[in-house]
Amino acid sequence: MRGTIAGSTARPRLAVFKSGRYIYAQVIDDAKGETLVQANSREGEAQAKIEGGAKTKAAARVVGEMIGERAQSKGIDSVVFDRGGYQYHGRVKEVAEGARSKGLKF
C-alpha cells in the first residue's frame, strides 16, 4: 500500500489513471482497501455520451460526471483527489471538473 494522504482516513480517495486510449477513475477507501465506485471511458454508458472518441477531454469530463454521480448515490460527498502523478491539466483536470460539477468536493 502506498503512503497515506493527509486526511485519507476521514475521506476516500478519487484516483485517476489514464492510458493512451482510455481514462479511468475510482473512489477508494484506503482504510478498508476497497474500491467504492468506479467509472471509465470504456463502459457502454460513457460511450453513449462521448463525442469525439474515448481519449478526448470531453470523454474525461463524462467519466468525471459519472464518478461524481455514483459517489453521491453511495453517500460520498467529499474525497481526496489523487492525480496519480499526472500533471493537473488536460484529461486529468477534466475528470476533476466533471466530478465537481456533480457536487463532489475535494
PDB file of N, CA and C in Angstrom:
ATOM      1  N   MET A   1       0.848  -1.184   0.000  1.00  0.00           N
ATOM      2  CA  MET A   1       0.000   0.000   0.000  1.00  0.00           C
ATOM      3  C   MET A   1       0.883   1.234   0.000  1.00  0.00           C
ATOM      4  N   ARG A   2       0.481   2.226  -0.764  1.00  0.00           N
ATOM      5  CA  ARG A   2       1.251   3.460  -0.837  1.00  0.00           C
ATOM      6  C   ARG A   2       1.097   4.256   0.441  1.00  0.00           C
ATOM      7  N   GLY A   3       1.923   5.280   0.596  1.00  0.00           N
ATOM      8  CA  GLY A   3       1.835   6.145   1.761  1.00  0.00           C
ATOM      9  C   GLY A   3       0.468   6.790   1.863  1.00  0.00           C
ATOM     10  N   THR A   4       0.050   7.100   3.051  1.00  0.00           N
ATOM     11  CA  THR A   4      -1.276   7.673   3.243  1.00  0.00           C
ATOM     12  C   THR A   4      -1.272   9.148   2.892  1.00  0.00           C
ATOM     13  N   ILE A   5      -2.392   9.615   2.436  1.00  0.00           N
ATOM     14  CA  ILE A   5      -2.586  11.016   2.109  1.00  0.00           C
ATOM     15  C   ILE A   5      -3.224  11.675   3.319  1.00  0.00           C
ATOM     16  N   ALA A   6      -2.807  12.888   3.619  1.00  0.00           N
ATOM     17  CA  ALA A   6      -3.356  13.588   4.779  1.00  0.00           C
ATOM     18  C   ALA A   6      -4.871  13.638   4.696  1.00  0.00           C
ATOM     19  N   GLY A   7      -5.534  13.186   5.737  1.00  0.00           N
ATOM     20  CA  GLY A   7      -6.986  13.221   5.774  1.00  0.00           C
ATOM     21  C   GLY A   7      -7.649  12.026   5.117  1.00  0.00           C
ATOM     22  N   SER A   8      -6.868  11.058   4.635  1.00  0.00           N
ATOM     23  CA  SER A   8      -7.456   9.948   3.891  1.00  0.00           C
ATOM     24  C   SER A   8      -8.260   9.009   4.780  1.00  0.00           C
ATOM     25  N   THR A   9      -8.025   9.034   6.091  1.00  0.00           N
ATOM     26  CA  THR A   9      -8.816   8.175   6.963  1.00  0.00           C
ATOM     27  C   THR A   9     -10.248   8.687   7.066  1.00  0.00           C
ATOM     28  N   ALA A  10     -10.434  10.001   6.921  1.00  0.00           N
ATOM     29  CA  ALA A  10     -11.772  10.569   7.007  1.00  0.00           C
ATOM     30  C   ALA A  10     -12.461  10.602   5.640  1.00  0.00           C
ATOM     31  N   ARG A  11     -11.676  10.706   4.574  1.00  0.00           N
ATOM     32  CA  ARG A  11     -12.257  10.826   3.239  1.00  0.00           C
ATOM     33  C   ARG A  11     -11.655   9.779   2.307  1.00  0.00           C
ATOM     34  N   PRO A  12     -12.477   9.213   1.448  1.00  0.00           N
ATOM     35  CA  PRO A  12     -11.937   8.290   0.450  1.00  0.00           C
ATOM     36  C   PRO A  12     -11.123   9.042  -0.602  1.00  0.00           C
ATOM     37  N   ARG A  13     -10.407   8.299  -1.430  1.00  0.00           N
ATOM     38  CA  ARG A  13      -9.503   8.869  -2.425  1.00  0.00           C
ATOM     39  C   ARG A  13     -10.076   8.655  -3.821  1.00  0.00           C
ATOM     40  N   LEU A  14     -10.118   9.724  -4.607  1.00  0.00           N
ATOM     41  CA  LEU A  14     -10.519   9.643  -6.011  1.00  0.00           C
ATOM     42  C   LEU A  14      -9.243   9.527  -6.833  1.00  0.00           C
ATOM     43  N   ALA A  15      -8.965   8.334  -7.334  1.00  0.00           N
ATOM     44  CA  ALA A  15      -7.743   8.066  -8.089  1.00  0.00           C
ATOM     45  C   ALA A  15      -8.041   8.070  -9.579  1.00  0.00           C
ATOM     46  N   VAL A  16      -7.128   8.662 -10.355  1.00  0.00           N
ATOM     47  CA  VAL A  16      -7.272   8.751 -11.804  1.00  0.00           C
ATOM     48  C   VAL A  16      -6.124   7.997 -12.460  1.00  0.00           C
ATOM     49  N   PHE A  17      -6.460   7.220 -13.487  1.00  0.00           N
ATOM     50  CA  PHE A  17      -5.449   6.553 -14.312  1.00  0.00           C
ATOM     51  C   PHE A  17      -5.819   6.784 -15.759  1.00  0.00           C
ATOM     52  N   LYS A  18      -4.825   7.100 -16.570  1.00  0.00           N
ATOM     53  CA  LYS A  18      -5.104   7.267 -17.987  1.00  0.00           C
ATOM     54  C   LYS A  18      -4.139   6.419 -18.795  1.00  0.00           C
ATOM     55  N   SER A  19      -4.694   5.736 -19.770  1.00  0.00           N
ATOM     56  CA  SER A  19      -3.874   5.002 -20.717  1.00  0.00           C
ATOM     57  C   SER A  19      -3.805   5.832 -21.988  1.00  0.00           C
ATOM     58  N   GLY A  20      -3.200   5.313 -22.998  1.00  0.00           N
ATOM     59  CA  GLY A  20      -3.132   6.037 -24.256  1.00  0.00           C
ATOM     60  C   GLY A  20      -4.488   6.215 -24.909  1.00  0.00           C
ATOM     61  N   ARG A  21      -5.435   5.359 -24.570  1.00  0.00           N
ATOM     62  CA  ARG A  21      -6.723   5.373 -25.241  1.00  0.00           C
ATOM     63  C   ARG A  21      -7.897   5.698 -24.313  1.00  0.00           C
ATOM     64  N   TYR A  22      -7.850   5.293 -23.052  1.00  0.00           N
ATOM     65  CA  TYR A  22      -8.984   5.425 -22.139  1.00  0.00           C
ATOM     66  C   TYR A  22      -8.582   6.159 -20.866  1.00  0.00           C
ATOM     67  N   ILE A  23      -9.586   6.552 -20.094  1.00  0.00           N
ATOM     68  CA  ILE A  23      -9.346   7.158 -18.779  1.00  0.00           C
ATOM     69  C   ILE A  23     -10.227   6.457 -17.756  1.00  0.00           C
ATOM     70  N   TYR A  24      -9.677   6.246 -16.577  1.00  0.00           N
ATOM     71  CA  TYR A  24     -10.338   5.503 -15.514  1.00  0.00           C
ATOM     72  C   TYR A  24     -10.328   6.339 -14.242  1.00  0.00           C
ATOM     73  N   ALA A  25     -11.384   6.226 -13.447  1.00  0.00           N
ATOM     74  CA  ALA A  25     -11.453   6.899 -12.154  1.00  0.00           C
ATOM     75  C   ALA A  25     -12.117   5.956 -11.168  1.00  0.00           C
ATOM     76  N   GLN A  26     -11.606   5.946  -9.944  1.00  0.00           N
ATOM     77  CA  GLN A  26     -12.234   5.134  -8.907  1.00  0.00           C
ATOM     78  C   GLN A  26     -12.101   5.818  -7.561  1.00  0.00           C
ATOM     79  N   VAL A  27     -13.112   5.631  -6.724  1.00  0.00           N
ATOM     80  CA  VAL A  27     -13.096   6.144  -5.362  1.00  0.00           C
ATOM     81  C   VAL A  27     -12.748   4.971  -4.463  1.00  0.00           C
ATOM     82  N   ILE A  28     -11.658   5.139  -3.704  1.00  0.00           N
ATOM     83  CA  ILE A  28     -11.088   4.054  -2.915  1.00  0.00           C
ATOM     84  C   ILE A  28     -11.122   4.403  -1.441  1.00  0.00           C
ATOM     85  N   ASP A  29     -11.539   3.454  -0.601  1.00  0.00           N
ATOM     86  CA  ASP A  29     -11.441   3.582   0.846  1.00  0.00           C
ATOM     87  C   ASP A  29     -10.145   2.895   1.251  1.00  0.00           C
ATOM     88  N   ASP A  30      -9.115   3.691   1.547  1.00  0.00           N
ATOM     89  CA  ASP A  30      -7.809   3.136   1.862  1.00  0.00           C
ATOM     90  C   ASP A  30      -7.782   2.402   3.197  1.00  0.00           C
ATOM     91  N   ALA A  31      -8.645   2.789   4.116  1.00  0.00           N
ATOM     92  CA  ALA A  31      -8.683   2.123   5.416  1.00  0.00           C
ATOM     93  C   ALA A  31      -9.122   0.664   5.268  1.00  0.00           C
ATOM     94  N   LYS A  32     -10.101   0.424   4.393  1.00  0.00           N
ATOM     95  CA  LYS A  32     -10.601  -0.930   4.157  1.00  0.00           C
ATOM     96  C   LYS A  32      -9.906  -1.600   2.979  1.00  0.00           C
ATOM     97  N   GLY A  33      -9.270  -0.804   2.131  1.00  0.00           N
ATOM     98  CA  GLY A  33      -8.603  -1.350   0.965  1.00  0.00           C
ATOM     99  C   GLY A  33      -9.561  -1.823  -0.109  1.00  0.00           C
ATOM    100  N   GLU A  34     -10.653  -1.084  -0.305  1.00  0.00           N
ATOM    101  CA  GLU A  34     -11.620  -1.500  -1.311  1.00  0.00           C
ATOM    102  C   GLU A  34     -12.069  -0.320  -2.164  1.00  0.00           C
ATOM    103  N   THR A  35     -12.450  -0.645  -3.386  1.00  0.00           N
ATOM    104  CA  THR A  35     -12.983   0.350  -4.310  1.00  0.00           C
ATOM    105  C   THR A  35     -14.471   0.517  -4.040  1.00  0.00           C
ATOM    106  N   LEU A  36     -14.897   1.753  -3.831  1.00  0.00           N
ATOM    107  CA  LEU A  36     -16.299   2.028  -3.527  1.00  0.00           C
ATOM    108  C   LEU A  36     -17.117   2.226  -4.799  1.00  0.00           C
ATOM    109  N   VAL A  37     -16.615   3.030  -5.726  1.00  0.00           N
ATOM    110  CA  VAL A  37     -17.268   3.235  -7.021  1.00  0.00           C
ATOM    111  C   VAL A  37     -16.184   3.439  -8.074  1.00  0.00           C
ATOM    112  N   GLN A  38     -16.533   3.173  -9.329  1.00  0.00           N
ATOM    113  CA  GLN A  38     -15.590   3.366 -10.418  1.00  0.00           C
ATOM    114  C   GLN A  38     -16.334   3.775 -11.673  1.00  0.00           C
ATOM    115  N   ALA A  39     -15.598   4.405 -12.584  1.00  0.00           N
ATOM    116  CA  ALA A  39     -16.138   4.764 -13.900  1.00  0.00           C
ATOM    117  C   ALA A  39     -14.959   4.833 -14.862  1.00  0.00           C
ATOM    118  N   ASN A  40     -15.231   4.539 -16.127  1.00  0.00           N
ATOM    119  CA  ASN A  40     -14.182   4.642 -17.132  1.00  0.00           C
ATOM    120  C   ASN A  40     -14.791   4.919 -18.497  1.00  0.00           C
ATOM    121  N   SER A  41     -13.936   5.313 -19.425  1.00  0.00           N
ATOM    122  CA  SER A  41     -14.414   5.689 -20.756  1.00  0.00           C
ATOM    123  C   SER A  41     -14.658   4.485 -21.652  1.00  0.00           C
ATOM    124  N   ARG A  42     -14.443   3.285 -21.154  1.00  0.00           N
ATOM    125  CA  ARG A  42     -14.679   2.068 -21.941  1.00  0.00           C
ATOM    126  C   ARG A  42     -16.098   1.549 -21.800  1.00  0.00           C
ATOM    127  N   GLU A  43     -16.778   1.890 -20.723  1.00  0.00           N
ATOM    128  CA  GLU A  43     -18.096   1.297 -20.485  1.00  0.00           C
ATOM    129  C   GLU A  43     -19.157   1.898 -21.401  1.00  0.00           C
ATOM    130  N   GLY A  44     -20.218   1.127 -21.615  1.00  0.00           N
ATOM    131  CA  GLY A  44     -21.267   1.497 -22.553  1.00  0.00           C
ATOM    132  C   GLY A  44     -21.951   2.808 -22.232  1.00  0.00           C
ATOM    133  N   GLU A  45     -22.187   3.063 -20.946  1.00  0.00           N
ATOM    134  CA  GLU A  45     -22.838   4.311 -20.542  1.00  0.00           C
ATOM    135  C   GLU A  45     -22.008   5.516 -20.969  1.00  0.00           C
ATOM    136  N   ALA A  46     -20.701   5.421 -20.799  1.00  0.00           N
ATOM    137  CA  ALA A  46     -19.818   6.517 -21.189  1.00  0.00           C
ATOM    138  C   ALA A  46     -19.747   6.640 -22.705  1.00  0.00           C
ATOM    139  N   GLN A  47     -19.653   5.520 -23.392  1.00  0.00           N
ATOM    140  CA  GLN A  47     -19.544   5.541 -24.850  1.00  0.00           C
ATOM    141  C   GLN A  47     -20.754   6.222 -25.496  1.00  0.00           C
ATOM    142  N   ALA A  48     -21.927   6.047 -24.889  1.00  0.00           N
ATOM    143  CA  ALA A  48     -23.138   6.661 -25.430  1.00  0.00           C
ATOM    144  C   ALA A  48     -23.119   8.188 -25.294  1.00  0.00           C
ATOM    145  N   LYS A  49     -22.429   8.699 -24.272  1.00  0.00           N
ATOM    146  CA  LYS A  49     -22.396  10.141 -24.016  1.00  0.00           C
ATOM    147  C   LYS A  49     -21.215  10.847 -24.669  1.00  0.00           C
ATOM    148  N   ILE A  50     -20.187  10.091 -25.039  1.00  0.00           N
ATOM    149  CA  ILE A  50     -18.938  10.680 -25.529  1.00  0.00           C
ATOM    150  C   ILE A  50     -19.042  11.016 -27.017  1.00  0.00           C
ATOM    151  N   GLU A  51     -18.599  12.224 -27.339  1.00  0.00           N
ATOM    152  CA  GLU A  51     -18.489  12.630 -28.735  1.00  0.00           C
ATOM    153  C   GLU A  51     -17.022  12.893 -29.031  1.00  0.00           C
ATOM    154  N   GLY A  52     -16.500  12.280 -30.070  1.00  0.00           N
ATOM    155  CA  GLY A  52     -15.122  12.560 -30.471  1.00  0.00           C
ATOM    156  C   GLY A  52     -14.102  11.534 -30.026  1.00  0.00           C
ATOM    157  N   GLY A  53     -14.509  10.429 -29.467  1.00  0.00           N
ATOM    158  CA  GLY A  53     -13.568   9.383 -29.101  1.00  0.00           C
ATOM    159  C   GLY A  53     -13.306   9.306 -27.609  1.00  0.00           C
ATOM    160  N   ALA A  54     -12.765   8.169 -27.181  1.00  0.00           N
ATOM    161  CA  ALA A  54     -12.581   7.892 -25.760  1.00  0.00           C
ATOM    162  C   ALA A  54     -11.331   8.526 -25.170  1.00  0.00           C
ATOM    163  N   LYS A  55     -10.467   9.122 -25.999  1.00  0.00           N
ATOM    164  CA  LYS A  55      -9.255   9.722 -25.437  1.00  0.00           C
ATOM    165  C   LYS A  55      -9.262  11.247 -25.514  1.00  0.00           C
ATOM    166  N   THR A  56     -10.451  11.832 -25.525  1.00  0.00           N
ATOM    167  CA  THR A  56     -10.581  13.282 -25.582  1.00  0.00           C
ATOM    168  C   THR A  56     -10.875  13.855 -24.194  1.00  0.00           C
ATOM    169  N   LYS A  57     -10.748  15.171 -24.100  1.00  0.00           N
ATOM    170  CA  LYS A  57     -11.101  15.830 -22.846  1.00  0.00           C
ATOM    171  C   LYS A  57     -12.590  15.722 -22.570  1.00  0.00           C
ATOM    172  N   ALA A  58     -13.392  15.670 -23.604  1.00  0.00           N
ATOM    173  CA  ALA A  58     -14.841  15.511 -23.430  1.00  0.00           C
ATOM    174  C   ALA A  58     -15.158  14.167 -22.785  1.00  0.00           C
ATOM    175  N   ALA A  59     -14.425  13.137 -23.175  1.00  0.00           N
ATOM    176  CA  ALA A  59     -14.618  11.811 -22.578  1.00  0.00           C
ATOM    177  C   ALA A  59     -14.218  11.832 -21.104  1.00  0.00           C
ATOM    178  N   ALA A  60     -13.145  12.530 -20.788  1.00  0.00           N
ATOM    179  CA  ALA A  60     -12.704  12.631 -19.401  1.00  0.00           C
ATOM    180  C   ALA A  60     -13.735  13.369 -18.555  1.00  0.00           C
ATOM    181  N   ARG A  61     -14.361  14.398 -19.111  1.00  0.00           N
ATOM    182  CA  ARG A  61     -15.406  15.142 -18.405  1.00  0.00           C
ATOM    183  C   ARG A  61     -16.583  14.221 -18.097  1.00  0.00           C
ATOM    184  N   VAL A  62     -16.976  13.391 -19.064  1.00  0.00           N
ATOM    185  CA  VAL A  62     -18.083  12.446 -18.880  1.00  0.00           C
ATOM    186  C   VAL A  62     -17.742  11.444 -17.772  1.00  0.00           C
ATOM    187  N   VAL A  63     -16.519  10.939 -17.756  1.00  0.00           N
ATOM    188  CA  VAL A  63     -16.095   9.997 -16.710  1.00  0.00           C
ATOM    189  C   VAL A  63     -16.145  10.690 -15.346  1.00  0.00           C
ATOM    190  N   GLY A  64     -15.707  11.939 -15.271  1.00  0.00           N
ATOM    191  CA  GLY A  64     -15.775  12.686 -14.022  1.00  0.00           C
ATOM    192  C   GLY A  64     -17.198  12.870 -13.535  1.00  0.00           C
ATOM    193  N   GLU A  65     -18.097  13.179 -14.460  1.00  0.00           N
ATOM    194  CA  GLU A  65     -19.507  13.336 -14.087  1.00  0.00           C
ATOM    195  C   GLU A  65     -20.094  12.015 -13.609  1.00  0.00           C
ATOM    196  N   MET A  66     -19.730  10.927 -14.278  1.00  0.00           N
ATOM    197  CA  MET A  66     -20.235   9.613 -13.875  1.00  0.00           C
ATOM    198  C   MET A  66     -19.728   9.231 -12.482  1.00  0.00           C
ATOM    199  N   ILE A  67     -18.454   9.471 -12.207  1.00  0.00           N
ATOM    200  CA  ILE A  67     -17.907   9.113 -10.895  1.00  0.00           C
ATOM    201  C   ILE A  67     -18.530   9.997  -9.821  1.00  0.00           C
ATOM    202  N   GLY A  68     -18.807  11.260 -10.141  1.00  0.00           N
ATOM    203  CA  GLY A  68     -19.465  12.161  -9.199  1.00  0.00           C
ATOM    204  C   GLY A  68     -20.872  11.699  -8.855  1.00  0.00           C
ATOM    205  N   GLU A  69     -21.624  11.311  -9.879  1.00  0.00           N
ATOM    206  CA  GLU A  69     -22.991  10.818  -9.654  1.00  0.00           C
ATOM    207  C   GLU A  69     -22.990   9.539  -8.837  1.00  0.00           C
ATOM    208  N   ARG A  70     -22.092   8.613  -9.187  1.00  0.00           N
ATOM    209  CA  ARG A  70     -22.045   7.331  -8.481  1.00  0.00           C
ATOM    210  C   ARG A  70     -21.594   7.496  -7.036  1.00  0.00           C
ATOM    211  N   ALA A  71     -20.654   8.397  -6.796  1.00  0.00           N
ATOM    212  CA  ALA A  71     -20.211   8.650  -5.424  1.00  0.00           C
ATOM    213  C   ALA A  71     -21.333   9.266  -4.602  1.00  0.00           C
ATOM    214  N   GLN A  72     -22.047  10.225  -5.184  1.00  0.00           N
ATOM    215  CA  GLN A  72     -23.163  10.849  -4.486  1.00  0.00           C
ATOM    216  C   GLN A  72     -24.236   9.823  -4.139  1.00  0.00           C
ATOM    217  N   SER A  73     -24.496   8.876  -5.042  1.00  0.00           N
ATOM    218  CA  SER A  73     -25.518   7.861  -4.786  1.00  0.00           C
ATOM    219  C   SER A  73     -25.115   6.918  -3.648  1.00  0.00           C
ATOM    220  N   LYS A  74     -23.800   6.786  -3.396  1.00  0.00           N
ATOM    221  CA  LYS A  74     -23.309   5.959  -2.289  1.00  0.00           C
ATOM    222  C   LYS A  74     -23.136   6.766  -1.005  1.00  0.00           C
ATOM    223  N   GLY A  75     -23.501   8.054  -1.037  1.00  0.00           N
ATOM    224  CA  GLY A  75     -23.395   8.899   0.143  1.00  0.00           C
ATOM    225  C   GLY A  75     -22.024   9.523   0.342  1.00  0.00           C
ATOM    226  N   ILE A  76     -21.196   9.514  -0.678  1.00  0.00           N
ATOM    227  CA  ILE A  76     -19.859  10.110  -0.607  1.00  0.00           C
ATOM    228  C   ILE A  76     -19.940  11.510  -1.185  1.00  0.00           C
ATOM    229  N   ASP A  77     -19.618  12.518  -0.379  1.00  0.00           N
ATOM    230  CA  ASP A  77     -19.692  13.886  -0.885  1.00  0.00           C
ATOM    231  C   ASP A  77     -18.355  14.605  -0.865  1.00  0.00           C
ATOM    232  N   SER A  78     -17.334  14.007  -0.230  1.00  0.00           N
ATOM    233  CA  SER A  78     -16.029  14.641  -0.133  1.00  0.00           C
ATOM    234  C   SER A  78     -14.940  13.591  -0.308  1.00  0.00           C
ATOM    235  N   VAL A  79     -13.945  13.904  -1.157  1.00  0.00           N
ATOM    236  CA  VAL A  79     -12.849  12.975  -1.428  1.00  0.00           C
ATOM    237  C   VAL A  79     -11.522  13.719  -1.453  1.00  0.00           C
ATOM    238  N   VAL A  80     -10.444  12.959  -1.434  1.00  0.00           N
ATOM    239  CA  VAL A  80      -9.103  13.477  -1.665  1.00  0.00           C
ATOM    240  C   VAL A  80      -8.767  13.135  -3.103  1.00  0.00           C
ATOM    241  N   PHE A  81      -8.324  14.104  -3.902  1.00  0.00           N
ATOM    242  CA  PHE A  81      -8.044  13.860  -5.314  1.00  0.00           C
ATOM    243  C   PHE A  81      -6.620  13.355  -5.480  1.00  0.00           C
ATOM    244  N   ASP A  82      -6.470  12.174  -6.070  1.00  0.00           N
ATOM    245  CA  ASP A  82      -5.171  11.568  -6.348  1.00  0.00           C
ATOM    246  C   ASP A  82      -4.979  11.564  -7.858  1.00  0.00           C
ATOM    247  N   ARG A  83      -4.151  12.467  -8.365  1.00  0.00           N
ATOM    248  CA  ARG A  83      -3.963  12.583  -9.804  1.00  0.00           C
ATOM    249  C   ARG A  83      -3.008  11.532 -10.342  1.00  0.00           C
ATOM    250  N   GLY A  84      -2.492  10.665  -9.498  1.00  0.00           N
ATOM    251  CA  GLY A  84      -1.664   9.542  -9.935  1.00  0.00           C
ATOM    252  C   GLY A  84      -0.328   9.942 -10.532  1.00  0.00           C
ATOM    253  N   GLY A  85       0.195  11.079 -10.139  1.00  0.00           N
ATOM    254  CA  GLY A  85       1.474  11.532 -10.663  1.00  0.00           C
ATOM    255  C   GLY A  85       1.373  12.296 -11.971  1.00  0.00           C
ATOM    256  N   TYR A  86       0.180  12.359 -12.547  1.00  0.00           N
ATOM    257  CA  TYR A  86      -0.012  13.110 -13.784  1.00  0.00           C
ATOM    258  C   TYR A  86      -0.142  14.597 -13.452  1.00  0.00           C
ATOM    259  N   GLN A  87       0.249  15.443 -14.389  1.00  0.00           N
ATOM    260  CA  GLN A  87       0.065  16.868 -14.198  1.00  0.00           C
ATOM    261  C   GLN A  87      -1.418  17.194 -14.204  1.00  0.00           C
ATOM    262  N   TYR A  88      -1.778  18.228 -13.438  1.00  0.00           N
ATOM    263  CA  TYR A  88      -3.185  18.631 -13.333  1.00  0.00           C
ATOM    264  C   TYR A  88      -3.549  19.534 -14.511  1.00  0.00           C
ATOM    265  N   HIS A  89      -3.750  18.937 -15.659  1.00  0.00           N
ATOM    266  CA  HIS A  89      -4.245  19.647 -16.840  1.00  0.00           C
ATOM    267  C   HIS A  89      -4.779  18.611 -17.807  1.00  0.00           C
ATOM    268  N   GLY A  90      -5.438  19.086 -18.844  1.00  0.00           N
ATOM    269  CA  GLY A  90      -5.957  18.179 -19.855  1.00  0.00           C
ATOM    270  C   GLY A  90      -7.013  17.235 -19.314  1.00  0.00           C
ATOM    271  N   ARG A  91      -6.844  15.938 -19.593  1.00  0.00           N
ATOM    272  CA  ARG A  91      -7.851  14.944 -19.234  1.00  0.00           C
ATOM    273  C   ARG A  91      -7.995  14.773 -17.725  1.00  0.00           C
ATOM    274  N   VAL A  92      -6.897  14.883 -16.980  1.00  0.00           N
ATOM    275  CA  VAL A  92      -6.972  14.746 -15.513  1.00  0.00           C
ATOM    276  C   VAL A  92      -7.792  15.892 -14.930  1.00  0.00           C
ATOM    277  N   LYS A  93      -7.564  17.091 -15.393  1.00  0.00           N
ATOM    278  CA  LYS A  93      -8.320  18.251 -14.924  1.00  0.00           C
ATOM    279  C   LYS A  93      -9.802  18.108 -15.280  1.00  0.00           C
ATOM    280  N   GLU A  94     -10.103  17.589 -16.459  1.00  0.00           N
ATOM    281  CA  GLU A  94     -11.495  17.421 -16.871  1.00  0.00           C
ATOM    282  C   GLU A  94     -12.229  16.403 -15.997  1.00  0.00           C
ATOM    283  N   VAL A  95     -11.551  15.344 -15.557  1.00  0.00           N
ATOM    284  CA  VAL A  95     -12.170  14.390 -14.631  1.00  0.00           C
ATOM    285  C   VAL A  95     -12.538  15.117 -13.340  1.00  0.00           C
ATOM    286  N   ALA A  96     -11.609  15.914 -12.816  1.00  0.00           N
ATOM    287  CA  ALA A  96     -11.865  16.660 -11.584  1.00  0.00           C
ATOM    288  C   ALA A  96     -13.020  17.639 -11.748  1.00  0.00           C
ATOM    289  N   GLU A  97     -13.023  18.382 -12.840  1.00  0.00           N
ATOM    290  CA  GLU A  97     -14.085  19.360 -13.076  1.00  0.00           C
ATOM    291  C   GLU A  97     -15.440  18.676 -13.250  1.00  0.00           C
ATOM    292  N   GLY A  98     -15.458  17.538 -13.925  1.00  0.00           N
ATOM    293  CA  GLY A  98     -16.703  16.793 -14.090  1.00  0.00           C
ATOM    294  C   GLY A  98     -17.258  16.294 -12.771  1.00  0.00           C
ATOM    295  N   ALA A  99     -16.369  15.797 -11.911  1.00  0.00           N
ATOM    296  CA  ALA A  99     -16.796  15.320 -10.588  1.00  0.00           C
ATOM    297  C   ALA A  99     -17.303  16.475  -9.736  1.00  0.00           C
ATOM    298  N   ARG A 100     -16.613  17.603  -9.805  1.00  0.00           N
ATOM    299  CA  ARG A 100     -17.057  18.783  -9.042  1.00  0.00           C
ATOM    300  C   ARG A 100     -18.408  19.276  -9.529  1.00  0.00           C
ATOM    301  N   SER A 101     -18.652  19.182 -10.825  1.00  0.00           N
ATOM    302  CA  SER A 101     -19.929  19.658 -11.366  1.00  0.00           C
ATOM    303  C   SER A 101     -21.110  18.848 -10.844  1.00  0.00           C
ATOM    304  N   LYS A 102     -20.859  17.636 -10.401  1.00  0.00           N
ATOM    305  CA  LYS A 102     -21.921  16.787  -9.840  1.00  0.00           C
ATOM    306  C   LYS A 102     -21.959  16.843  -8.322  1.00  0.00           C
ATOM    307  N   GLY A 103     -21.213  17.774  -7.713  1.00  0.00           N
ATOM    308  CA  GLY A 103     -21.326  18.013  -6.283  1.00  0.00           C
ATOM    309  C   GLY A 103     -20.262  17.380  -5.419  1.00  0.00           C
ATOM    310  N   LEU A 104     -19.295  16.701  -6.006  1.00  0.00           N
ATOM    311  CA  LEU A 104     -18.221  16.083  -5.226  1.00  0.00           C
ATOM    312  C   LEU A 104     -17.228  17.159  -4.811  1.00  0.00           C
ATOM    313  N   LYS A 105     -16.830  17.163  -3.554  1.00  0.00           N
ATOM    314  CA  LYS A 105     -15.909  18.191  -3.044  1.00  0.00           C
ATOM    315  C   LYS A 105     -14.545  17.566  -2.796  1.00  0.00           C
ATOM    316  N   PHE A 106     -13.487  18.310  -3.159  1.00  0.00           N
ATOM    317  CA  PHE A 106     -12.138  17.897  -2.795  1.00  0.00           C
ATOM    318  C   PHE A 106     -11.459  19.048  -2.095  1.00  0.00           C
TER     319      PHE A 106
END
